[in-house]
């Protein structure tokens, strides 16, 4: 009789843990943040600080709200023409959902004798 009670108790415990696991999986934040890039032309000079690229770019998350302070310039990729570059922005929220967005900017390469 005791063995039967133990089996029932273990079955109920497993069912409870399974239900808790399903609930936690469903309620997880899986929505990535949104990066908003203004529609204005800017020029980036090679080697310059990236602050000018972040000006007026914002990041918003449905759970964390304004996360613009976590926004970063991930990479700057000059095009073959040497006149434009693709800037890749990245941001993550508190649930580690990541968003990346691209923007094309005017680009000025550094002169050979110039220092950054």
PDB file of N, CA and C in Angstrom:
ATOM      1  N   UNK A   1       0.820  -1.197   0.000  1.00  0.00           N
ATOM      2  CA  UNK A   1       0.000   0.000   0.000  1.00  0.00           C
ATOM      3  C   UNK A   1       0.868   1.267   0.000  1.00  0.00           C
ATOM      4  N   UNK A   2       1.955   1.258   0.788  1.00  0.00           N
ATOM      5  CA  UNK A   2       2.838   2.417   0.840  1.00  0.00           C
ATOM      6  C   UNK A   2       3.489   2.655  -0.522  1.00  0.00           C
ATOM      7  N   UNK A   3       3.820   1.576  -1.181  1.00  0.00           N
ATOM      8  CA  UNK A   3       4.460   1.694  -2.498  1.00  0.00           C
ATOM      9  C   UNK A   3       3.524   2.387  -3.484  1.00  0.00           C
ATOM     10  N   UNK A   4       2.266   2.101  -3.400  1.00  0.00           N
ATOM     11  CA  UNK A   4       1.274   2.726  -4.280  1.00  0.00           C
ATOM     12  C   UNK A   4       1.175   4.224  -4.002  1.00  0.00           C
ATOM     13  N   UNK A   5       1.222   4.622  -2.739  1.00  0.00           N
ATOM     14  CA  UNK A   5       1.178   6.043  -2.374  1.00  0.00           C
ATOM     15  C   UNK A   5       2.412   6.781  -2.898  1.00  0.00           C
ATOM     16  N   UNK A   6       3.563   6.132  -2.831  1.00  0.00           N
ATOM     17  CA  UNK A   6       4.799   6.740  -3.317  1.00  0.00           C
ATOM     18  C   UNK A   6       4.714   6.953  -4.829  1.00  0.00           C
ATOM     19  N   UNK A   7       4.202   5.970  -5.557  1.00  0.00           N
ATOM     20  CA  UNK A   7       4.066   6.078  -7.007  1.00  0.00           C
ATOM     21  C   UNK A   7       3.104   7.199  -7.375  1.00  0.00           C
ATOM     22  N   UNK A   8       1.988   7.297  -6.673  1.00  0.00           N
ATOM     23  CA  UNK A   8       1.015   8.363  -6.942  1.00  0.00           C
ATOM     24  C   UNK A   8       1.630   9.725  -6.629  1.00  0.00           C
ATOM     25  N   UNK A   9       2.312   9.839  -5.514  1.00  0.00           N
ATOM     26  CA  UNK A   9       2.949  11.108  -5.125  1.00  0.00           C
ATOM     27  C   UNK A   9       4.023  11.512  -6.150  1.00  0.00           C
ATOM     28  N   UNK A  10       4.811  10.565  -6.598  1.00  0.00           N
ATOM     29  CA  UNK A  10       5.836  10.864  -7.609  1.00  0.00           C
ATOM     30  C   UNK A  10       5.199  11.263  -8.939  1.00  0.00           C
ATOM     31  N   UNK A  11       4.130  10.603  -9.311  1.00  0.00           N
ATOM     32  CA  UNK A  11       3.429  10.950 -10.553  1.00  0.00           C
ATOM     33  C   UNK A  11       2.870  12.357 -10.492  1.00  0.00           C
ATOM     34  N   UNK A  12       2.278  12.728  -9.365  1.00  0.00           N
ATOM     35  CA  UNK A  12       1.741  14.085  -9.189  1.00  0.00           C
ATOM     36  C   UNK A  12       2.867  15.121  -9.213  1.00  0.00           C
ATOM     37  N   UNK A  13       3.995  14.799  -8.600  1.00  0.00           N
ATOM     38  CA  UNK A  13       5.134  15.720  -8.598  1.00  0.00           C
ATOM     39  C   UNK A  13       5.660  15.937 -10.011  1.00  0.00           C
ATOM     40  N   UNK A  14       5.789  14.861 -10.760  1.00  0.00           N
ATOM     41  CA  UNK A  14       6.265  14.967 -12.149  1.00  0.00           C
ATOM     42  C   UNK A  14       5.286  15.780 -12.987  1.00  0.00           C
ATOM     43  N   UNK A  15       4.000  15.543 -12.811  1.00  0.00           N
ATOM     44  CA  UNK A  15       2.990  16.302 -13.561  1.00  0.00           C
ATOM     45  C   UNK A  15       3.059  17.784 -13.199  1.00  0.00           C
ATOM     46  N   UNK A  16       3.248  18.084 -11.924  1.00  0.00           N
ATOM     47  CA  UNK A  16       3.361  19.478 -11.488  1.00  0.00           C
ATOM     48  C   UNK A  16       4.582  20.156 -12.084  1.00  0.00           C
ATOM     49  N   UNK A  17       5.726  19.469 -12.058  1.00  0.00           N
ATOM     50  CA  UNK A  17       6.947  20.031 -12.643  1.00  0.00           C
ATOM     51  C   UNK A  17       6.819  20.216 -14.149  1.00  0.00           C
ATOM     52  N   UNK A  18       6.172  19.287 -14.809  1.00  0.00           N
ATOM     53  CA  UNK A  18       5.934  19.410 -16.246  1.00  0.00           C
ATOM     54  C   UNK A  18       5.049  20.623 -16.537  1.00  0.00           C
ATOM     55  N   UNK A  19       3.997  20.800 -15.754  1.00  0.00           N
ATOM     56  CA  UNK A  19       3.118  21.960 -15.925  1.00  0.00           C
ATOM     57  C   UNK A  19       3.860  23.266 -15.693  1.00  0.00           C
ATOM     58  N   UNK A  20       4.705  23.318 -14.666  1.00  0.00           N
ATOM     59  CA  UNK A  20       5.506  24.509 -14.377  1.00  0.00           C
ATOM     60  C   UNK A  20       6.476  24.795 -15.525  1.00  0.00           C
ATOM     61  N   UNK A  21       7.082  23.756 -16.056  1.00  0.00           N
ATOM     62  CA  UNK A  21       8.008  23.910 -17.174  1.00  0.00           C
ATOM     63  C   UNK A  21       7.307  24.468 -18.409  1.00  0.00           C
ATOM     64  N   UNK A  22       6.125  23.957 -18.714  1.00  0.00           N
ATOM     65  CA  UNK A  22       5.350  24.449 -19.853  1.00  0.00           C
ATOM     66  C   UNK A  22       4.969  25.911 -19.640  1.00  0.00           C
ATOM     67  N   UNK A  23       4.531  26.264 -18.447  1.00  0.00           N
ATOM     68  CA  UNK A  23       4.152  27.645 -18.131  1.00  0.00           C
ATOM     69  C   UNK A  23       5.348  28.587 -18.316  1.00  0.00           C
ATOM     70  N   UNK A  24       6.494  28.200 -17.796  1.00  0.00           N
ATOM     71  CA  UNK A  24       7.669  29.070 -17.893  1.00  0.00           C
ATOM     72  C   UNK A  24       8.126  29.227 -19.346  1.00  0.00           C
ATOM     73  N   UNK A  25       8.031  28.168 -20.126  1.00  0.00           N
ATOM     74  CA  UNK A  25       8.411  28.241 -21.536  1.00  0.00           C
ATOM     75  C   UNK A  25       7.481  29.165 -22.310  1.00  0.00           C
ATOM     76  N   UNK A  26       6.203  29.076 -22.052  1.00  0.00           N
ATOM     77  CA  UNK A  26       5.217  29.911 -22.749  1.00  0.00           C
ATOM     78  C   UNK A  26       5.366  31.380 -22.369  1.00  0.00           C
ATOM     79  N   UNK A  27       5.688  31.653 -21.104  1.00  0.00           N
ATOM     80  CA  UNK A  27       5.731  33.040 -20.642  1.00  0.00           C
ATOM     81  C   UNK A  27       7.073  33.733 -20.876  1.00  0.00           C
ATOM     82  N   UNK A  28       8.044  33.044 -21.482  1.00  0.00           N
ATOM     83  CA  UNK A  28       9.357  33.650 -21.742  1.00  0.00           C
ATOM     84  C   UNK A  28       9.248  34.771 -22.775  1.00  0.00           C
ATOM     85  N   UNK A  29      10.092  35.788 -22.592  1.00  0.00           N
ATOM     86  CA  UNK A  29      10.175  36.885 -23.554  1.00  0.00           C
ATOM     87  C   UNK A  29      11.034  36.435 -24.732  1.00  0.00           C
ATOM     88  N   UNK A  30      10.414  36.276 -25.870  1.00  0.00           N
ATOM     89  CA  UNK A  30      11.136  35.875 -27.078  1.00  0.00           C
ATOM     90  C   UNK A  30      11.042  36.924 -28.183  1.00  0.00           C
ATOM     91  N   UNK A  31      10.490  38.071 -27.851  1.00  0.00           N
ATOM     92  CA  UNK A  31      10.329  39.135 -28.836  1.00  0.00           C
ATOM     93  C   UNK A  31      11.576  40.013 -28.835  1.00  0.00           C
ATOM     94  N   UNK A  32      12.257  40.122 -29.970  1.00  0.00           N
ATOM     95  CA  UNK A  32      13.469  40.947 -30.015  1.00  0.00           C
ATOM     96  C   UNK A  32      13.122  42.438 -29.976  1.00  0.00           C
ATOM     97  N   UNK A  33      14.083  43.246 -29.539  1.00  0.00           N
ATOM     98  CA  UNK A  33      13.868  44.693 -29.531  1.00  0.00           C
ATOM     99  C   UNK A  33      13.755  45.253 -30.949  1.00  0.00           C
ATOM    100  N   UNK A  34      13.322  46.500 -31.041  1.00  0.00           N
ATOM    101  CA  UNK A  34      13.184  47.184 -32.330  1.00  0.00           C
ATOM    102  C   UNK A  34      14.173  48.352 -32.357  1.00  0.00           C
ATOM    103  N   UNK A  35      14.949  48.424 -33.430  1.00  0.00           N
ATOM    104  CA  UNK A  35      15.879  49.532 -33.637  1.00  0.00           C
ATOM    105  C   UNK A  35      15.250  50.478 -34.647  1.00  0.00           C
ATOM    106  N   UNK A  36      15.206  51.762 -34.301  1.00  0.00           N
ATOM    107  CA  UNK A  36      14.662  52.774 -35.198  1.00  0.00           C
ATOM    108  C   UNK A  36      15.801  53.689 -35.646  1.00  0.00           C
ATOM    109  N   UNK A  37      15.993  53.759 -36.957  1.00  0.00           N
ATOM    110  CA  UNK A  37      17.070  54.562 -37.536  1.00  0.00           C
ATOM    111  C   UNK A  37      16.437  55.726 -38.283  1.00  0.00           C
ATOM    112  N   UNK A  38      16.860  56.956 -37.980  1.00  0.00           N
ATOM    113  CA  UNK A  38      16.267  58.104 -38.675  1.00  0.00           C
ATOM    114  C   UNK A  38      16.620  58.093 -40.160  1.00  0.00           C
ATOM    115  N   UNK A  39      15.728  58.639 -40.948  1.00  0.00           N
ATOM    116  CA  UNK A  39      15.922  58.690 -42.404  1.00  0.00           C
ATOM    117  C   UNK A  39      16.611  59.996 -42.768  1.00  0.00           C
ATOM    118  N   UNK A  40      17.884  60.082 -42.410  1.00  0.00           N
ATOM    119  CA  UNK A  40      18.654  61.264 -42.783  1.00  0.00           C
ATOM    120  C   UNK A  40      20.053  60.822 -43.158  1.00  0.00           C
ATOM    121  N   UNK A  41      20.644  61.546 -44.083  1.00  0.00           N
ATOM    122  CA  UNK A  41      21.969  61.191 -44.573  1.00  0.00           C
ATOM    123  C   UNK A  41      23.035  61.702 -43.624  1.00  0.00           C
ATOM    124  N   UNK A  42      24.030  60.859 -43.387  1.00  0.00           N
ATOM    125  CA  UNK A  42      25.191  61.267 -42.607  1.00  0.00           C
ATOM    126  C   UNK A  42      26.443  60.739 -43.287  1.00  0.00           C
ATOM    127  N   UNK A  43      27.581  61.328 -42.920  1.00  0.00           N
ATOM    128  CA  UNK A  43      28.862  60.897 -43.449  1.00  0.00           C
ATOM    129  C   UNK A  43      29.716  60.402 -42.296  1.00  0.00           C
ATOM    130  N   UNK A  44      30.326  59.266 -42.495  1.00  0.00           N
ATOM    131  CA  UNK A  44      31.234  58.710 -41.489  1.00  0.00           C
ATOM    132  C   UNK A  44      32.642  58.760 -42.045  1.00  0.00           C
ATOM    133  N   UNK A  45      33.553  59.318 -41.259  1.00  0.00           N
ATOM    134  CA  UNK A  45      34.955  59.386 -41.658  1.00  0.00           C
ATOM    135  C   UNK A  45      35.696  58.239 -40.976  1.00  0.00           C
ATOM    136  N   UNK A  46      36.379  57.452 -41.762  1.00  0.00           N
ATOM    137  CA  UNK A  46      37.106  56.285 -41.258  1.00  0.00           C
ATOM    138  C   UNK A  46      37.947  56.642 -40.035  1.00  0.00           C
ATOM    139  N   UNK A  47      37.834  55.831 -38.989  1.00  0.00           N
ATOM    140  CA  UNK A  47      38.599  56.035 -37.767  1.00  0.00           C
ATOM    141  C   UNK A  47      37.953  56.970 -36.770  1.00  0.00           C
ATOM    142  N   UNK A  48      36.881  57.633 -37.165  1.00  0.00           N
ATOM    143  CA  UNK A  48      36.210  58.576 -36.263  1.00  0.00           C
ATOM    144  C   UNK A  48      35.409  57.823 -35.200  1.00  0.00           C
ATOM    145  N   UNK A  49      35.062  58.528 -34.149  1.00  0.00           N
ATOM    146  CA  UNK A  49      34.232  57.974 -33.084  1.00  0.00           C
ATOM    147  C   UNK A  49      32.856  57.619 -33.656  1.00  0.00           C
ATOM    148  N   UNK A  50      32.250  56.565 -33.149  1.00  0.00           N
ATOM    149  CA  UNK A  50      30.955  56.111 -33.684  1.00  0.00           C
ATOM    150  C   UNK A  50      29.760  56.853 -33.080  1.00  0.00           C
ATOM    151  N   UNK A  51      30.010  57.811 -32.196  1.00  0.00           N
ATOM    152  CA  UNK A  51      28.901  58.551 -31.585  1.00  0.00           C
ATOM    153  C   UNK A  51      27.995  59.209 -32.621  1.00  0.00           C
ATOM    154  N   UNK A  52      28.589  59.725 -33.698  1.00  0.00           N
ATOM    155  CA  UNK A  52      27.775  60.383 -34.731  1.00  0.00           C
ATOM    156  C   UNK A  52      26.854  59.382 -35.419  1.00  0.00           C
ATOM    157  N   UNK A  53      27.272  58.119 -35.497  1.00  0.00           N
ATOM    158  CA  UNK A  53      26.434  57.089 -36.112  1.00  0.00           C
ATOM    159  C   UNK A  53      25.266  56.692 -35.211  1.00  0.00           C
ATOM    160  N   UNK A  54      25.418  56.890 -33.903  1.00  0.00           N
ATOM    161  CA  UNK A  54      24.365  56.537 -32.937  1.00  0.00           C
ATOM    162  C   UNK A  54      23.374  57.674 -32.698  1.00  0.00           C
ATOM    163  N   UNK A  55      23.697  58.868 -33.180  1.00  0.00           N
ATOM    164  CA  UNK A  55      22.831  60.026 -32.942  1.00  0.00           C
ATOM    165  C   UNK A  55      21.433  59.778 -33.516  1.00  0.00           C
ATOM    166  N   UNK A  56      20.429  59.933 -32.690  1.00  0.00           N
ATOM    167  CA  UNK A  56      19.008  59.801 -33.030  1.00  0.00           C
ATOM    168  C   UNK A  56      18.572  58.363 -33.352  1.00  0.00           C
ATOM    169  N   UNK A  57      19.453  57.388 -33.211  1.00  0.00           N
ATOM    170  CA  UNK A  57      19.078  55.979 -33.375  1.00  0.00           C
ATOM    171  C   UNK A  57      18.574  55.498 -32.019  1.00  0.00           C
ATOM    172  N   UNK A  58      17.432  54.828 -31.997  1.00  0.00           N
ATOM    173  CA  UNK A  58      16.848  54.396 -30.739  1.00  0.00           C
ATOM    174  C   UNK A  58      16.554  52.897 -30.748  1.00  0.00           C
ATOM    175  N   UNK A  59      16.390  52.351 -29.552  1.00  0.00           N
ATOM    176  CA  UNK A  59      16.044  50.933 -29.410  1.00  0.00           C
ATOM    177  C   UNK A  59      14.944  50.815 -28.357  1.00  0.00           C
ATOM    178  N   UNK A  60      13.933  50.010 -28.662  1.00  0.00           N
ATOM    179  CA  UNK A  60      12.769  49.844 -27.791  1.00  0.00           C
ATOM    180  C   UNK A  60      12.449  48.359 -27.656  1.00  0.00           C
ATOM    181  N   UNK A  61      12.100  47.956 -26.460  1.00  0.00           N
ATOM    182  CA  UNK A  61      11.711  46.568 -26.212  1.00  0.00           C
ATOM    183  C   UNK A  61      10.353  46.542 -25.531  1.00  0.00           C
ATOM    184  N   UNK A  62       9.525  45.575 -25.892  1.00  0.00           N
ATOM    185  CA  UNK A  62       8.175  45.512 -25.333  1.00  0.00           C
ATOM    186  C   UNK A  62       8.157  45.186 -23.840  1.00  0.00           C
ATOM    187  N   UNK A  63       9.227  44.616 -23.312  1.00  0.00           N
ATOM    188  CA  UNK A  63       9.289  44.320 -21.878  1.00  0.00           C
ATOM    189  C   UNK A  63      10.164  45.343 -21.151  1.00  0.00           C
ATOM    190  N   UNK A  64      11.336  45.641 -21.702  1.00  0.00           N
ATOM    191  CA  UNK A  64      12.305  46.520 -21.047  1.00  0.00           C
ATOM    192  C   UNK A  64      12.123  48.003 -21.368  1.00  0.00           C
ATOM    193  N   UNK A  65      11.237  48.334 -22.280  1.00  0.00           N
ATOM    194  CA  UNK A  65      10.989  49.717 -22.721  1.00  0.00           C
ATOM    195  C   UNK A  65      12.199  50.270 -23.465  1.00  0.00           C
ATOM    196  N   UNK A  66      12.633  51.478 -23.107  1.00  0.00           N
ATOM    197  CA  UNK A  66      13.707  52.152 -23.821  1.00  0.00           C
ATOM    198  C   UNK A  66      15.058  51.525 -23.454  1.00  0.00           C
ATOM    199  N   UNK A  67      15.711  50.906 -24.433  1.00  0.00           N
ATOM    200  CA  UNK A  67      17.031  50.303 -24.197  1.00  0.00           C
ATOM    201  C   UNK A  67      18.083  50.903 -25.132  1.00  0.00           C
ATOM    202  N   UNK A  68      17.877  52.159 -25.491  1.00  0.00           N
ATOM    203  CA  UNK A  68      18.809  52.851 -26.380  1.00  0.00           C
ATOM    204  C   UNK A  68      20.219  52.857 -25.802  1.00  0.00           C
ATOM    205  N   UNK A  69      20.345  52.869 -24.475  1.00  0.00           N
ATOM    206  CA  UNK A  69      21.670  52.882 -23.849  1.00  0.00           C
ATOM    207  C   UNK A  69      22.457  51.590 -24.114  1.00  0.00           C
ATOM    208  N   UNK A  70      21.800  50.531 -24.546  1.00  0.00           N
ATOM    209  CA  UNK A  70      22.472  49.269 -24.865  1.00  0.00           C
ATOM    210  C   UNK A  70      22.812  49.155 -26.353  1.00  0.00           C
ATOM    211  N   UNK A  71      22.387  50.135 -27.132  1.00  0.00           N
ATOM    212  CA  UNK A  71      22.603  50.123 -28.581  1.00  0.00           C
ATOM    213  C   UNK A  71      24.075  50.351 -28.897  1.00  0.00           C
ATOM    214  N   UNK A  72      24.608  49.554 -29.825  1.00  0.00           N
ATOM    215  CA  UNK A  72      26.015  49.645 -30.218  1.00  0.00           C
ATOM    216  C   UNK A  72      26.155  49.582 -31.738  1.00  0.00           C
ATOM    217  N   UNK A  73      27.253  50.169 -32.232  1.00  0.00           N
ATOM    218  CA  UNK A  73      27.622  49.978 -33.634  1.00  0.00           C
ATOM    219  C   UNK A  73      28.415  48.672 -33.658  1.00  0.00           C
ATOM    220  N   UNK A  74      27.877  47.679 -34.331  1.00  0.00           N
ATOM    221  CA  UNK A  74      28.503  46.354 -34.379  1.00  0.00           C
ATOM    222  C   UNK A  74      29.670  46.347 -35.364  1.00  0.00           C
ATOM    223  N   UNK A  75      29.417  46.767 -36.596  1.00  0.00           N
ATOM    224  CA  UNK A  75      30.468  46.807 -37.610  1.00  0.00           C
ATOM    225  C   UNK A  75      30.213  47.947 -38.593  1.00  0.00           C
ATOM    226  N   UNK A  76      31.285  48.362 -39.229  1.00  0.00           N
ATOM    227  CA  UNK A  76      31.222  49.345 -40.315  1.00  0.00           C
ATOM    228  C   UNK A  76      31.948  48.708 -41.492  1.00  0.00           C
ATOM    229  N   UNK A  77      31.207  48.499 -42.576  1.00  0.00           N
ATOM    230  CA  UNK A  77      31.759  47.787 -43.731  1.00  0.00           C
ATOM    231  C   UNK A  77      31.774  48.725 -44.939  1.00  0.00           C
ATOM    232  N   UNK A  78      32.960  49.252 -45.302  1.00  0.00           N
ATOM    233  CA  UNK A  78      33.038  50.116 -46.477  1.00  0.00           C
ATOM    234  C   UNK A  78      32.709  49.324 -47.747  1.00  0.00           C
ATOM    235  N   UNK A  79      31.937  49.952 -48.636  1.00  0.00           N
ATOM    236  CA  UNK A  79      31.642  49.327 -49.926  1.00  0.00           C
ATOM    237  C   UNK A  79      32.866  49.441 -50.830  1.00  0.00           C
ATOM    238  N   UNK A  80      32.869  48.656 -51.887  1.00  0.00           N
ATOM    239  CA  UNK A  80      33.996  48.657 -52.825  1.00  0.00           C
ATOM    240  C   UNK A  80      34.194  50.014 -53.480  1.00  0.00           C
ATOM    241  N   UNK A  81      33.101  50.778 -53.623  1.00  0.00           N
ATOM    242  CA  UNK A  81      33.207  52.084 -54.273  1.00  0.00           C
ATOM    243  C   UNK A  81      33.970  53.104 -53.425  1.00  0.00           C
ATOM    244  N   UNK A  82      34.120  52.842 -52.129  1.00  0.00           N
ATOM    245  CA  UNK A  82      34.836  53.756 -51.246  1.00  0.00           C
ATOM    246  C   UNK A  82      34.062  55.004 -50.885  1.00  0.00           C
ATOM    247  N   UNK A  83      32.830  55.125 -51.367  1.00  0.00           N
ATOM    248  CA  UNK A  83      32.023  56.313 -51.112  1.00  0.00           C
ATOM    249  C   UNK A  83      30.921  56.072 -50.081  1.00  0.00           C
ATOM    250  N   UNK A  84      30.580  54.821 -49.867  1.00  0.00           N
ATOM    251  CA  UNK A  84      29.532  54.478 -48.911  1.00  0.00           C
ATOM    252  C   UNK A  84      30.008  53.328 -48.016  1.00  0.00           C
ATOM    253  N   UNK A  85      29.320  53.166 -46.904  1.00  0.00           N
ATOM    254  CA  UNK A  85      29.608  52.062 -45.991  1.00  0.00           C
ATOM    255  C   UNK A  85      28.294  51.584 -45.388  1.00  0.00           C
ATOM    256  N   UNK A  86      28.271  50.322 -45.020  1.00  0.00           N
ATOM    257  CA  UNK A  86      27.110  49.753 -44.334  1.00  0.00           C
ATOM    258  C   UNK A  86      27.447  49.707 -42.847  1.00  0.00           C
ATOM    259  N   UNK A  87      26.599  50.327 -42.055  1.00  0.00           N
ATOM    260  CA  UNK A  87      26.755  50.328 -40.606  1.00  0.00           C
ATOM    261  C   UNK A  87      25.765  49.317 -40.045  1.00  0.00           C
ATOM    262  N   UNK A  88      26.259  48.412 -39.210  1.00  0.00           N
ATOM    263  CA  UNK A  88      25.396  47.415 -38.583  1.00  0.00           C
ATOM    264  C   UNK A  88      25.277  47.764 -37.103  1.00  0.00           C
ATOM    265  N   UNK A  89      24.034  48.011 -36.669  1.00  0.00           N
ATOM    266  CA  UNK A  89      23.737  48.305 -35.270  1.00  0.00           C
ATOM    267  C   UNK A  89      23.271  47.021 -34.594  1.00  0.00           C
ATOM    268  N   UNK A  90      23.543  46.894 -33.299  1.00  0.00           N
ATOM    269  CA  UNK A  90      23.088  45.729 -32.537  1.00  0.00           C
ATOM    270  C   UNK A  90      22.618  46.171 -31.156  1.00  0.00           C
ATOM    271  N   UNK A  91      21.587  45.472 -30.662  1.00  0.00           N
ATOM    272  CA  UNK A  91      21.084  45.725 -29.309  1.00  0.00           C
ATOM    273  C   UNK A  91      20.499  44.421 -28.774  1.00  0.00           C
ATOM    274  N   UNK A  92      20.555  44.269 -27.464  1.00  0.00           N
ATOM    275  CA  UNK A  92      19.973  43.088 -26.817  1.00  0.00           C
ATOM    276  C   UNK A  92      19.113  43.539 -25.638  1.00  0.00           C
ATOM    277  N   UNK A  93      18.131  42.729 -25.298  1.00  0.00           N
ATOM    278  CA  UNK A  93      17.281  43.046 -24.149  1.00  0.00           C
ATOM    279  C   UNK A  93      17.668  42.175 -22.957  1.00  0.00           C
ATOM    280  N   UNK A  94      16.941  42.302 -21.857  1.00  0.00           N
ATOM    281  CA  UNK A  94      17.275  41.572 -20.630  1.00  0.00           C
ATOM    282  C   UNK A  94      17.079  40.067 -20.766  1.00  0.00           C
ATOM    283  N   UNK A  95      16.354  39.624 -21.777  1.00  0.00           N
ATOM    284  CA  UNK A  95      16.180  38.190 -22.038  1.00  0.00           C
ATOM    285  C   UNK A  95      17.164  37.690 -23.087  1.00  0.00           C
ATOM    286  N   UNK A  96      18.129  38.541 -23.435  1.00  0.00           N
ATOM    287  CA  UNK A  96      19.157  38.236 -24.434  1.00  0.00           C
ATOM    288  C   UNK A  96      18.607  38.016 -25.838  1.00  0.00           C
ATOM    289  N   UNK A  97      17.480  38.631 -26.150  1.00  0.00           N
ATOM    290  CA  UNK A  97      16.996  38.670 -27.530  1.00  0.00           C
ATOM    291  C   UNK A  97      17.816  39.748 -28.241  1.00  0.00           C
ATOM    292  N   UNK A  98      18.341  39.441 -29.408  1.00  0.00           N
ATOM    293  CA  UNK A  98      19.229  40.357 -30.124  1.00  0.00           C
ATOM    294  C   UNK A  98      18.587  40.805 -31.430  1.00  0.00           C
ATOM    295  N   UNK A  99      18.793  42.082 -31.741  1.00  0.00           N
ATOM    296  CA  UNK A  99      18.355  42.620 -33.023  1.00  0.00           C
ATOM    297  C   UNK A  99      19.542  43.320 -33.670  1.00  0.00           C
ATOM    298  N   UNK A 100      19.659  43.150 -34.983  1.00  0.00           N
ATOM    299  CA  UNK A 100      20.660  43.877 -35.763  1.00  0.00           C
ATOM    300  C   UNK A 100      19.948  44.551 -36.921  1.00  0.00           C
ATOM    301  N   UNK A 101      20.335  45.789 -37.195  1.00  0.00           N
ATOM    302  CA  UNK A 101      19.787  46.554 -38.312  1.00  0.00           C
ATOM    303  C   UNK A 101      20.937  47.192 -39.080  1.00  0.00           C
ATOM    304  N   UNK A 102      20.734  47.388 -40.386  1.00  0.00           N
ATOM    305  CA  UNK A 102      21.761  47.980 -41.245  1.00  0.00           C
ATOM    306  C   UNK A 102      21.326  49.347 -41.739  1.00  0.00           C
ATOM    307  N   UNK A 103      22.324  50.148 -42.013  1.00  0.00           N
ATOM    308  CA  UNK A 103      22.100  51.492 -42.564  1.00  0.00           C
ATOM    309  C   UNK A 103      23.268  51.807 -43.488  1.00  0.00           C
ATOM    310  N   UNK A 104      22.981  52.396 -44.631  1.00  0.00           N
ATOM    311  CA  UNK A 104      24.035  52.816 -45.546  1.00  0.00           C
ATOM    312  C   UNK A 104      24.295  54.300 -45.325  1.00  0.00           C
ATOM    313  N   UNK A 105      25.582  54.644 -45.157  1.00  0.00           N
ATOM    314  CA  UNK A 105      25.982  56.029 -44.923  1.00  0.00           C
ATOM    315  C   UNK A 105      27.039  56.428 -45.939  1.00  0.00           C
ATOM    316  N   UNK A 106      27.209  57.732 -46.118  1.00  0.00           N
ATOM    317  CA  UNK A 106      28.326  58.222 -46.925  1.00  0.00           C
ATOM    318  C   UNK A 106      29.604  57.933 -46.152  1.00  0.00           C
ATOM    319  N   UNK A 107      30.672  57.681 -46.884  1.00  0.00           N
ATOM    320  CA  UNK A 107      31.908  57.239 -46.235  1.00  0.00           C
ATOM    321  C   UNK A 107      33.094  57.989 -46.808  1.00  0.00           C
ATOM    322  N   UNK A 108      33.987  58.393 -45.910  1.00  0.00           N
ATOM    323  CA  UNK A 108      35.213  59.072 -46.338  1.00  0.00           C
ATOM    324  C   UNK A 108      36.389  58.308 -45.754  1.00  0.00           C
ATOM    325  N   UNK A 109      37.189  57.720 -46.631  1.00  0.00           N
ATOM    326  CA  UNK A 109      38.352  56.943 -46.184  1.00  0.00           C
ATOM    327  C   UNK A 109      39.422  57.881 -45.635  1.00  0.00           C
ATOM    328  N   UNK A 110      40.198  57.356 -44.710  1.00  0.00           N
ATOM    329  CA  UNK A 110      41.290  58.127 -44.121  1.00  0.00           C
ATOM    330  C   UNK A 110      42.424  58.249 -45.141  1.00  0.00           C
ATOM    331  N   UNK A 111      42.997  59.429 -45.230  1.00  0.00           N
ATOM    332  CA  UNK A 111      44.158  59.634 -46.114  1.00  0.00           C
ATOM    333  C   UNK A 111      45.335  58.857 -45.539  1.00  0.00           C
ATOM    334  N   UNK A 112      46.261  58.461 -46.391  1.00  0.00           N
ATOM    335  CA  UNK A 112      47.394  57.632 -45.952  1.00  0.00           C
ATOM    336  C   UNK A 112      48.221  58.302 -44.862  1.00  0.00           C
ATOM    337  N   UNK A 113      48.413  59.614 -44.929  1.00  0.00           N
ATOM    338  CA  UNK A 113      49.226  60.313 -43.944  1.00  0.00           C
ATOM    339  C   UNK A 113      48.420  60.847 -42.768  1.00  0.00           C
ATOM    340  N   UNK A 114      47.132  60.572 -42.748  1.00  0.00           N
ATOM    341  CA  UNK A 114      46.227  61.043 -41.708  1.00  0.00           C
ATOM    342  C   UNK A 114      46.220  60.075 -40.521  1.00  0.00           C
ATOM    343  N   UNK A 115      46.041  60.622 -39.315  1.00  0.00           N
ATOM    344  CA  UNK A 115      45.896  59.774 -38.126  1.00  0.00           C
ATOM    345  C   UNK A 115      44.450  59.829 -37.664  1.00  0.00           C
ATOM    346  N   UNK A 116      43.940  58.722 -37.075  1.00  0.00           N
ATOM    347  CA  UNK A 116      42.535  58.721 -36.642  1.00  0.00           C
ATOM    348  C   UNK A 116      42.229  59.711 -35.557  1.00  0.00           C
TER     349      UNK A 116
END
